Amino acid sequence: MSTESYEDAIKRLGELLSKKSDLGNVAAAKIKKLTDELEELDSNKLDAVERIKSGFIYFKTNNYEKNPTLHNALAQSQSPKFLVFACADSRVSPSHILNFQLGEAFIVRNIANMVPPYDKTKHSNVGAALEYPITVLNVENILVIGHSCCGGIKGLMAIEDDTAPTKTEFIENWIQICAPAKNRIKQECKDLSFEDQCTNCEKEAVNVSLGNLLSYPFVRERVVKNKLSIRGAHYDFVKGTFDLWELDFKTTPAFALS
């Protein structure tokens, strides 16, 4: 990267144009293009800041100030009933999809809404995100939500050789958590299109995560004692449907979101 200062660059351009005046029109066009790009960059930065500010003002005016009882209670403690694992995809915010209110759900979001198996040396962030709401906040329900058009699942299904060197620094190692789902779908749904295989894998990957949840001792203990319920779900934002099933994988009928 060049370390030339703005002043040096302008000086050098002036010297060049003084020697080759025929380049004036070309230089003017390039300067105009650069100016437009800089103005757009500044505008985008300003738009982002204004969006953040206006978003908070709207929340404060329409939620915070209108619900003092709720916010005073939340200032003292939280007692969420749900622990939700959802994808980080910008189209599938669980608070919007399920209309969760503040304090109602402890939400963990990551690529493809995956829960890795219990391991104290790997994915400790997920272990901590599980342990705190379960052992400290005593949540009563865990919900893992998959969704349509999931890029993480599509990437998983596209991996042909699980032992091949990864092309990404983090993504492939992470999504391999649900490799058992991919392998099952590849075997049982081999006659389906790749798109349909991905849809099936979005749901099967949820089942893998449900199974992995039981590898955590503090989860399994509470499930056995009927103190904790575990459910899987799949939100299809193309069709506007939401499938919900229990840990035993018996699916309840889908219902449309409208």
C-alpha atoms as a PDB file:
ATOM      1  CA  MET A   1       0.000   0.000   0.000  1.00  0.00           C
ATOM      2  CA  SER A   2       1.282   3.469  -0.933  1.00  0.00           C
ATOM      3  CA  THR A   3       2.393   5.740   1.900  1.00  0.00           C
ATOM      4  CA  GLU A   4       2.319   8.879  -0.299  1.00  0.00           C
ATOM      5  CA  SER A   5       0.638  11.802   1.443  1.00  0.00           C
ATOM      6  CA  TYR A   6      -2.328  13.712   0.039  1.00  0.00           C
ATOM      7  CA  GLU A   7      -0.134  16.790  -0.482  1.00  0.00           C
ATOM      8  CA  ASP A   8       2.544  14.794  -2.337  1.00  0.00           C
ATOM      9  CA  ALA A   9      -0.073  13.172  -4.568  1.00  0.00           C
ATOM     10  CA  ILE A  10      -1.598  16.532  -5.524  1.00  0.00           C
ATOM     11  CA  LYS A  11       1.851  18.003  -6.169  1.00  0.00           C
ATOM     12  CA  ARG A  12       2.826  15.079  -8.400  1.00  0.00           C
ATOM     13  CA  LEU A  13      -0.439  15.309 -10.330  1.00  0.00           C
ATOM     14  CA  GLY A  14       0.103  19.033 -10.869  1.00  0.00           C
ATOM     15  CA  GLU A  15       3.619  18.454 -12.166  1.00  0.00           C
ATOM     16  CA  LEU A  16       2.368  15.770 -14.551  1.00  0.00           C
ATOM     17  CA  LEU A  17      -0.390  17.981 -15.951  1.00  0.00           C
ATOM     18  CA  SER A  18       1.991  20.914 -16.388  1.00  0.00           C
ATOM     19  CA  LYS A  19       4.125  18.713 -18.633  1.00  0.00           C
ATOM     20  CA  LYS A  20       1.249  16.927 -20.402  1.00  0.00           C
ATOM     21  CA  SER A  21      -1.684  19.304 -20.628  1.00  0.00           C
ATOM     22  CA  ASP A  22      -3.488  16.940 -22.993  1.00  0.00           C
ATOM     23  CA  LEU A  23      -4.168  14.695 -19.991  1.00  0.00           C
ATOM     24  CA  GLY A  24      -6.323  17.381 -18.379  1.00  0.00           C
ATOM     25  CA  ASN A  25      -9.671  15.963 -19.508  1.00  0.00           C
ATOM     26  CA  VAL A  26      -8.684  12.435 -18.475  1.00  0.00           C
ATOM     27  CA  ALA A  27      -7.531  13.678 -15.070  1.00  0.00           C
ATOM     28  CA  ALA A  28     -10.748  15.673 -14.598  1.00  0.00           C
ATOM     29  CA  ALA A  29     -12.884  12.614 -15.330  1.00  0.00           C
ATOM     30  CA  LYS A  30     -10.913  10.454 -12.915  1.00  0.00           C
ATOM     31  CA  ILE A  31     -11.003  13.121 -10.200  1.00  0.00           C
ATOM     32  CA  LYS A  32     -14.784  13.437 -10.616  1.00  0.00           C
ATOM     33  CA  LYS A  33     -15.186   9.656 -10.301  1.00  0.00           C
ATOM     34  CA  LEU A  34     -12.977   9.579  -7.199  1.00  0.00           C
ATOM     35  CA  THR A  35     -14.899  12.489  -5.673  1.00  0.00           C
ATOM     36  CA  ASP A  36     -18.217  10.724  -6.260  1.00  0.00           C
ATOM     37  CA  GLU A  37     -16.887   7.554  -4.634  1.00  0.00           C
ATOM     38  CA  LEU A  38     -15.619   9.481  -1.597  1.00  0.00           C
ATOM     39  CA  GLU A  39     -18.940  11.305  -1.244  1.00  0.00           C
ATOM     40  CA  GLU A  40     -20.841   8.014  -1.410  1.00  0.00           C
ATOM     41  CA  LEU A  41     -18.507   6.448   1.167  1.00  0.00           C
ATOM     42  CA  ASP A  42     -19.077   9.358   3.532  1.00  0.00           C
ATOM     43  CA  SER A  43     -22.830   9.189   2.925  1.00  0.00           C
ATOM     44  CA  ASN A  44     -22.961   5.435   3.639  1.00  0.00           C
ATOM     45  CA  LYS A  45     -21.054   5.967   6.873  1.00  0.00           C
ATOM     46  CA  LEU A  46     -23.440   8.732   7.876  1.00  0.00           C
ATOM     47  CA  ASP A  47     -26.476   6.620   6.927  1.00  0.00           C
ATOM     48  CA  ALA A  48     -25.265   3.756   9.139  1.00  0.00           C
ATOM     49  CA  VAL A  49     -24.769   6.052  12.132  1.00  0.00           C
ATOM     50  CA  GLU A  50     -28.169   7.695  11.589  1.00  0.00           C
ATOM     51  CA  ARG A  51     -29.834   4.278  11.324  1.00  0.00           C
ATOM     52  CA  ILE A  52     -28.331   3.233  14.651  1.00  0.00           C
ATOM     53  CA  LYS A  53     -29.391   6.490  16.303  1.00  0.00           C
ATOM     54  CA  SER A  54     -32.924   6.467  14.886  1.00  0.00           C
ATOM     55  CA  GLY A  55     -33.333   2.797  15.796  1.00  0.00           C
ATOM     56  CA  PHE A  56     -32.508   3.430  19.431  1.00  0.00           C
ATOM     57  CA  ILE A  57     -34.668   6.559  19.584  1.00  0.00           C
ATOM     58  CA  TYR A  58     -37.612   4.569  18.234  1.00  0.00           C
ATOM     59  CA  PHE A  59     -37.034   1.777  20.777  1.00  0.00           C
ATOM     60  CA  LYS A  60     -36.665   4.212  23.666  1.00  0.00           C
ATOM     61  CA  THR A  61     -39.782   6.168  22.696  1.00  0.00           C
ATOM     62  CA  ASN A  62     -42.048   3.271  21.804  1.00  0.00           C
ATOM     63  CA  ASN A  63     -40.839   0.563  24.161  1.00  0.00           C
ATOM     64  CA  TYR A  64     -38.562   1.661  26.993  1.00  0.00           C
ATOM     65  CA  GLU A  65     -40.500   4.744  28.049  1.00  0.00           C
ATOM     66  CA  LYS A  66     -43.894   3.084  27.579  1.00  0.00           C
ATOM     67  CA  ASN A  67     -43.062   0.007  29.687  1.00  0.00           C
ATOM     68  CA  PRO A  68     -41.421   1.293  32.880  1.00  0.00           C
ATOM     69  CA  THR A  69     -42.693  -1.611  34.982  1.00  0.00           C
ATOM     70  CA  LEU A  70     -41.117  -4.181  32.662  1.00  0.00           C
ATOM     71  CA  HIS A  71     -37.799  -2.367  32.392  1.00  0.00           C
ATOM     72  CA  ASN A  72     -37.592  -1.718  36.121  1.00  0.00           C
ATOM     73  CA  ALA A  73     -38.100  -5.441  36.710  1.00  0.00           C
ATOM     74  CA  LEU A  74     -35.482  -6.362  34.083  1.00  0.00           C
ATOM     75  CA  ALA A  75     -33.048  -3.989  35.772  1.00  0.00           C
ATOM     76  CA  GLN A  76     -33.235  -6.235  38.839  1.00  0.00           C
ATOM     77  CA  SER A  77     -33.020  -9.686  37.213  1.00  0.00           C
ATOM     78  CA  GLN A  78     -34.005 -11.878  34.288  1.00  0.00           C
ATOM     79  CA  SER A  79     -36.042 -15.097  34.256  1.00  0.00           C
ATOM     80  CA  PRO A  80     -36.351 -16.237  30.649  1.00  0.00           C
ATOM     81  CA  LYS A  81     -38.396 -19.361  29.970  1.00  0.00           C
ATOM     82  CA  PHE A  82     -36.668 -20.144  26.681  1.00  0.00           C
ATOM     83  CA  LEU A  83     -33.130 -20.801  25.525  1.00  0.00           C
ATOM     84  CA  VAL A  84     -33.115 -20.442  21.742  1.00  0.00           C
ATOM     85  CA  PHE A  85     -30.422 -21.476  19.290  1.00  0.00           C
ATOM     86  CA  ALA A  86     -30.922 -19.696  15.980  1.00  0.00           C
ATOM     87  CA  CYS A  87     -28.922 -18.864  12.896  1.00  0.00           C
ATOM     88  CA  ALA A  88     -27.101 -15.548  12.636  1.00  0.00           C
ATOM     89  CA  ASP A  89     -28.780 -15.024   9.252  1.00  0.00           C
ATOM     90  CA  SER A  90     -30.259 -11.501   9.159  1.00  0.00           C
ATOM     91  CA  ARG A  91     -33.599 -12.830   7.874  1.00  0.00           C
ATOM     92  CA  VAL A  92     -34.441 -15.085  10.809  1.00  0.00           C
ATOM     93  CA  SER A  93     -34.422 -13.110  14.056  1.00  0.00           C
ATOM     94  CA  PRO A  94     -36.262 -15.279  16.613  1.00  0.00           C
ATOM     95  CA  SER A  95     -37.486 -12.222  18.507  1.00  0.00           C
ATOM     96  CA  HIS A  96     -39.376 -11.145  15.398  1.00  0.00           C
ATOM     97  CA  ILE A  97     -40.490 -14.590  14.204  1.00  0.00           C
ATOM     98  CA  LEU A  98     -41.867 -15.711  17.581  1.00  0.00           C
ATOM     99  CA  ASN A  99     -42.637 -12.276  18.992  1.00  0.00           C
ATOM    100  CA  PHE A 100     -40.435 -12.773  22.039  1.00  0.00           C
ATOM    101  CA  GLN A 101     -40.512  -9.850  24.431  1.00  0.00           C
ATOM    102  CA  LEU A 102     -37.522  -8.530  26.361  1.00  0.00           C
ATOM    103  CA  GLY A 103     -36.607 -10.939  29.153  1.00  0.00           C
ATOM    104  CA  GLU A 104     -38.549 -13.832  27.637  1.00  0.00           C
ATOM    105  CA  ALA A 105     -35.822 -15.678  25.719  1.00  0.00           C
ATOM    106  CA  PHE A 106     -32.076 -16.187  26.151  1.00  0.00           C
ATOM    107  CA  ILE A 107     -30.900 -16.290  22.534  1.00  0.00           C
ATOM    108  CA  VAL A 108     -27.726 -17.779  21.067  1.00  0.00           C
ATOM    109  CA  ARG A 109     -27.092 -17.177  17.374  1.00  0.00           C
ATOM    110  CA  ASN A 110     -24.367 -18.665  15.217  1.00  0.00           C
ATOM    111  CA  ILE A 111     -23.782 -19.992  11.714  1.00  0.00           C
ATOM    112  CA  ALA A 112     -26.533 -22.514  10.840  1.00  0.00           C
ATOM    113  CA  ASN A 113     -27.913 -22.646  14.426  1.00  0.00           C
ATOM    114  CA  MET A 114     -25.631 -25.541  15.411  1.00  0.00           C
ATOM    115  CA  VAL A 115     -24.974 -27.032  18.830  1.00  0.00           C
ATOM    116  CA  PRO A 116     -21.663 -28.927  19.044  1.00  0.00           C
ATOM    117  CA  PRO A 117     -21.292 -32.007  21.264  1.00  0.00           C
ATOM    118  CA  TYR A 118     -20.027 -31.558  24.821  1.00  0.00           C
ATOM    119  CA  ASP A 119     -16.289 -30.868  24.864  1.00  0.00           C
ATOM    120  CA  LYS A 120     -14.500 -28.736  27.466  1.00  0.00           C
ATOM    121  CA  THR A 121     -11.636 -27.963  25.085  1.00  0.00           C
ATOM    122  CA  LYS A 122     -13.641 -26.952  22.001  1.00  0.00           C
ATOM    123  CA  HIS A 123     -16.460 -24.468  21.422  1.00  0.00           C
ATOM    124  CA  SER A 124     -16.415 -23.311  25.028  1.00  0.00           C
ATOM    125  CA  ASN A 125     -18.472 -20.276  24.018  1.00  0.00           C
ATOM    126  CA  VAL A 126     -21.412 -22.558  23.220  1.00  0.00           C
ATOM    127  CA  GLY A 127     -20.876 -24.503  26.443  1.00  0.00           C
ATOM    128  CA  ALA A 128     -20.978 -21.285  28.432  1.00  0.00           C
ATOM    129  CA  ALA A 129     -24.043 -20.072  26.533  1.00  0.00           C
ATOM    130  CA  LEU A 130     -25.748 -23.335  27.509  1.00  0.00           C
ATOM    131  CA  GLU A 131     -24.543 -23.611  31.073  1.00  0.00           C
ATOM    132  CA  TYR A 132     -25.495 -20.134  32.259  1.00  0.00           C
ATOM    133  CA  PRO A 133     -29.184 -20.038  31.252  1.00  0.00           C
ATOM    134  CA  ILE A 134     -29.713 -23.654  32.317  1.00  0.00           C
ATOM    135  CA  THR A 135     -27.848 -23.837  35.617  1.00  0.00           C
ATOM    136  CA  VAL A 136     -28.190 -20.211  36.746  1.00  0.00           C
ATOM    137  CA  LEU A 137     -31.349 -18.874  35.109  1.00  0.00           C
ATOM    138  CA  ASN A 138     -33.143 -22.245  35.144  1.00  0.00           C
ATOM    139  CA  VAL A 139     -34.766 -21.959  31.732  1.00  0.00           C
ATOM    140  CA  GLU A 140     -37.443 -24.569  31.124  1.00  0.00           C
ATOM    141  CA  ASN A 141     -37.308 -24.879  27.340  1.00  0.00           C
ATOM    142  CA  ILE A 142     -34.607 -25.199  24.697  1.00  0.00           C
ATOM    143  CA  LEU A 143     -35.562 -24.517  21.094  1.00  0.00           C
ATOM    144  CA  VAL A 144     -33.241 -25.029  18.107  1.00  0.00           C
ATOM    145  CA  ILE A 145     -34.546 -23.262  14.993  1.00  0.00           C
ATOM    146  CA  GLY A 146     -33.355 -24.118  11.492  1.00  0.00           C
ATOM    147  CA  HIS A 147     -34.505 -22.142   8.477  1.00  0.00           C
ATOM    148  CA  SER A 148     -34.980 -22.145   4.720  1.00  0.00           C
ATOM    149  CA  CYS A 149     -32.240 -21.057   2.303  1.00  0.00           C
ATOM    150  CA  CYS A 150     -29.559 -21.533   4.981  1.00  0.00           C
ATOM    151  CA  GLY A 151     -26.137 -20.663   3.581  1.00  0.00           C
ATOM    152  CA  GLY A 152     -24.345 -22.679   6.265  1.00  0.00           C
ATOM    153  CA  ILE A 153     -26.263 -25.836   5.391  1.00  0.00           C
ATOM    154  CA  LYS A 154     -25.763 -25.227   1.683  1.00  0.00           C
ATOM    155  CA  GLY A 155     -22.034 -24.945   2.344  1.00  0.00           C
ATOM    156  CA  LEU A 156     -22.098 -28.160   4.382  1.00  0.00           C
ATOM    157  CA  MET A 157     -23.914 -30.065   1.644  1.00  0.00           C
ATOM    158  CA  ALA A 158     -21.391 -28.808  -0.907  1.00  0.00           C
ATOM    159  CA  ILE A 159     -18.438 -30.373   0.939  1.00  0.00           C
ATOM    160  CA  GLU A 160     -17.684 -33.578  -0.977  1.00  0.00           C
ATOM    161  CA  ASP A 161     -14.729 -34.764   1.080  1.00  0.00           C
ATOM    162  CA  ASP A 162     -14.904 -34.250   4.851  1.00  0.00           C
ATOM    163  CA  THR A 163     -11.152 -34.907   5.142  1.00  0.00           C
ATOM    164  CA  ALA A 164     -10.074 -32.409   2.478  1.00  0.00           C
ATOM    165  CA  PRO A 165      -8.219 -29.244   3.532  1.00  0.00           C
ATOM    166  CA  THR A 166     -10.602 -26.407   4.372  1.00  0.00           C
ATOM    167  CA  LYS A 167     -10.892 -23.335   2.171  1.00  0.00           C
ATOM    168  CA  THR A 168     -12.069 -21.047   4.971  1.00  0.00           C
ATOM    169  CA  GLU A 169     -10.497 -20.154   8.303  1.00  0.00           C
ATOM    170  CA  PHE A 170     -13.510 -20.936  10.475  1.00  0.00           C
ATOM    171  CA  ILE A 171     -16.695 -21.700   8.558  1.00  0.00           C
ATOM    172  CA  GLU A 172     -16.026 -25.212   7.289  1.00  0.00           C
ATOM    173  CA  ASN A 173     -14.670 -26.464  10.604  1.00  0.00           C
ATOM    174  CA  TRP A 174     -17.782 -25.114  12.312  1.00  0.00           C
ATOM    175  CA  ILE A 175     -20.438 -26.483   9.941  1.00  0.00           C
ATOM    176  CA  GLN A 176     -18.810 -29.931  10.037  1.00  0.00           C
ATOM    177  CA  ILE A 177     -20.494 -30.236  13.449  1.00  0.00           C
ATOM    178  CA  CYS A 178     -23.542 -31.404  11.517  1.00  0.00           C
ATOM    179  CA  ALA A 179     -21.697 -33.645   9.049  1.00  0.00           C
ATOM    180  CA  PRO A 180     -23.801 -36.622  10.276  1.00  0.00           C
ATOM    181  CA  ALA A 181     -26.883 -34.809   8.968  1.00  0.00           C
ATOM    182  CA  LYS A 182     -25.282 -34.237   5.597  1.00  0.00           C
ATOM    183  CA  ASN A 183     -24.167 -37.873   5.314  1.00  0.00           C
ATOM    184  CA  ARG A 184     -27.637 -39.155   6.158  1.00  0.00           C
ATOM    185  CA  ILE A 185     -29.361 -36.872   3.664  1.00  0.00           C
ATOM    186  CA  LYS A 186     -26.839 -37.688   0.942  1.00  0.00           C
ATOM    187  CA  GLN A 187     -27.621 -41.358   1.441  1.00  0.00           C
ATOM    188  CA  GLU A 188     -31.381 -41.255   1.956  1.00  0.00           C
ATOM    189  CA  CYS A 189     -32.249 -38.388  -0.414  1.00  0.00           C
ATOM    190  CA  LYS A 190     -29.748 -38.982  -3.207  1.00  0.00           C
ATOM    191  CA  ASP A 191     -32.489 -38.882  -5.854  1.00  0.00           C
ATOM    192  CA  LEU A 192     -33.616 -35.396  -4.840  1.00  0.00           C
ATOM    193  CA  SER A 193     -32.286 -32.146  -6.271  1.00  0.00           C
ATOM    194  CA  PHE A 194     -29.479 -30.394  -4.425  1.00  0.00           C
ATOM    195  CA  GLU A 195     -31.937 -27.705  -3.316  1.00  0.00           C
ATOM    196  CA  ASP A 196     -34.336 -30.286  -1.853  1.00  0.00           C
ATOM    197  CA  GLN A 197     -31.441 -32.086  -0.187  1.00  0.00           C
ATOM    198  CA  CYS A 198     -30.450 -28.821   1.480  1.00  0.00           C
ATOM    199  CA  THR A 199     -34.007 -28.312   2.731  1.00  0.00           C
ATOM    200  CA  ASN A 200     -34.020 -31.781   4.262  1.00  0.00           C
ATOM    201  CA  CYS A 201     -30.579 -31.205   5.760  1.00  0.00           C
ATOM    202  CA  GLU A 202     -31.738 -27.938   7.370  1.00  0.00           C
ATOM    203  CA  LYS A 203     -34.146 -30.038   9.449  1.00  0.00           C
ATOM    204  CA  GLU A 204     -31.856 -33.012  10.005  1.00  0.00           C
ATOM    205  CA  ALA A 205     -29.079 -30.709  11.223  1.00  0.00           C
ATOM    206  CA  VAL A 206     -31.494 -29.486  13.904  1.00  0.00           C
ATOM    207  CA  ASN A 207     -31.965 -33.108  14.976  1.00  0.00           C
ATOM    208  CA  VAL A 208     -28.205 -33.546  15.227  1.00  0.00           C
ATOM    209  CA  SER A 209     -28.034 -30.480  17.465  1.00  0.00           C
ATOM    210  CA  LEU A 210     -30.878 -31.830  19.617  1.00  0.00           C
ATOM    211  CA  GLY A 211     -28.899 -35.034  20.078  1.00  0.00           C
ATOM    212  CA  ASN A 212     -25.755 -33.061  20.877  1.00  0.00           C
ATOM    213  CA  LEU A 213     -27.617 -31.147  23.582  1.00  0.00           C
ATOM    214  CA  LEU A 214     -28.048 -34.388  25.491  1.00  0.00           C
ATOM    215  CA  SER A 215     -24.282 -34.858  25.606  1.00  0.00           C
ATOM    216  CA  TYR A 216     -24.124 -31.967  28.113  1.00  0.00           C
ATOM    217  CA  PRO A 217     -24.537 -33.488  31.608  1.00  0.00           C
ATOM    218  CA  PHE A 218     -26.466 -30.522  33.030  1.00  0.00           C
ATOM    219  CA  VAL A 219     -28.878 -30.677  30.087  1.00  0.00           C
ATOM    220  CA  ARG A 220     -29.387 -34.430  30.178  1.00  0.00           C
ATOM    221  CA  GLU A 221     -29.953 -34.412  33.946  1.00  0.00           C
ATOM    222  CA  ARG A 222     -32.744 -31.861  33.700  1.00  0.00           C
ATOM    223  CA  VAL A 223     -34.365 -33.541  30.713  1.00  0.00           C
ATOM    224  CA  VAL A 224     -34.467 -36.874  32.571  1.00  0.00           C
ATOM    225  CA  LYS A 225     -36.062 -35.159  35.581  1.00  0.00           C
ATOM    226  CA  ASN A 226     -38.626 -33.429  33.331  1.00  0.00           C
ATOM    227  CA  LYS A 227     -37.315 -30.030  34.342  1.00  0.00           C
ATOM    228  CA  LEU A 228     -36.247 -29.146  30.822  1.00  0.00           C
ATOM    229  CA  SER A 229     -37.938 -29.640  27.443  1.00  0.00           C
ATOM    230  CA  ILE A 230     -36.063 -29.732  24.145  1.00  0.00           C
ATOM    231  CA  ARG A 231     -37.659 -28.989  20.780  1.00  0.00           C
ATOM    232  CA  GLY A 232     -36.572 -28.506  17.199  1.00  0.00           C
ATOM    233  CA  ALA A 233     -38.105 -26.180  14.644  1.00  0.00           C
ATOM    234  CA  HIS A 234     -37.774 -25.074  11.039  1.00  0.00           C
ATOM    235  CA  TYR A 235     -38.847 -21.654   9.800  1.00  0.00           C
ATOM    236  CA  ASP A 236     -39.507 -21.383   6.060  1.00  0.00           C
ATOM    237  CA  PHE A 237     -39.538 -17.689   5.224  1.00  0.00           C
ATOM    238  CA  VAL A 238     -40.302 -18.466   1.573  1.00  0.00           C
ATOM    239  CA  LYS A 239     -43.577 -20.241   2.379  1.00  0.00           C
ATOM    240  CA  GLY A 240     -44.277 -18.536   5.687  1.00  0.00           C
ATOM    241  CA  THR A 241     -44.465 -21.761   7.719  1.00  0.00           C
ATOM    242  CA  PHE A 242     -43.037 -22.920  11.022  1.00  0.00           C
ATOM    243  CA  ASP A 243     -42.568 -26.631  11.835  1.00  0.00           C
ATOM    244  CA  LEU A 244     -42.141 -27.632  15.465  1.00  0.00           C
ATOM    245  CA  TRP A 245     -41.202 -31.049  16.845  1.00  0.00           C
ATOM    246  CA  GLU A 246     -40.318 -32.647  20.154  1.00  0.00           C
ATOM    247  CA  LEU A 247     -37.052 -34.291  21.107  1.00  0.00           C
ATOM    248  CA  ASP A 248     -38.446 -37.642  19.932  1.00  0.00           C
ATOM    249  CA  PHE A 249     -38.650 -36.011  16.482  1.00  0.00           C
ATOM    250  CA  LYS A 250     -42.422 -36.422  16.153  1.00  0.00           C
ATOM    251  CA  THR A 251     -43.305 -33.406  14.095  1.00  0.00           C
ATOM    252  CA  THR A 252     -46.397 -31.358  14.841  1.00  0.00           C
ATOM    253  CA  PRO A 253     -48.357 -29.972  11.860  1.00  0.00           C
ATOM    254  CA  ALA A 254     -46.866 -26.888  10.244  1.00  0.00           C
ATOM    255  CA  PHE A 255     -48.759 -23.645  10.609  1.00  0.00           C
ATOM    256  CA  ALA A 256     -48.554 -20.571   8.446  1.00  0.00           C
ATOM    257  CA  LEU A 257     -47.184 -17.273   9.659  1.00  0.00           C
ATOM    258  CA  SER A 258     -49.192 -14.326   8.435  1.00  0.00           C
END
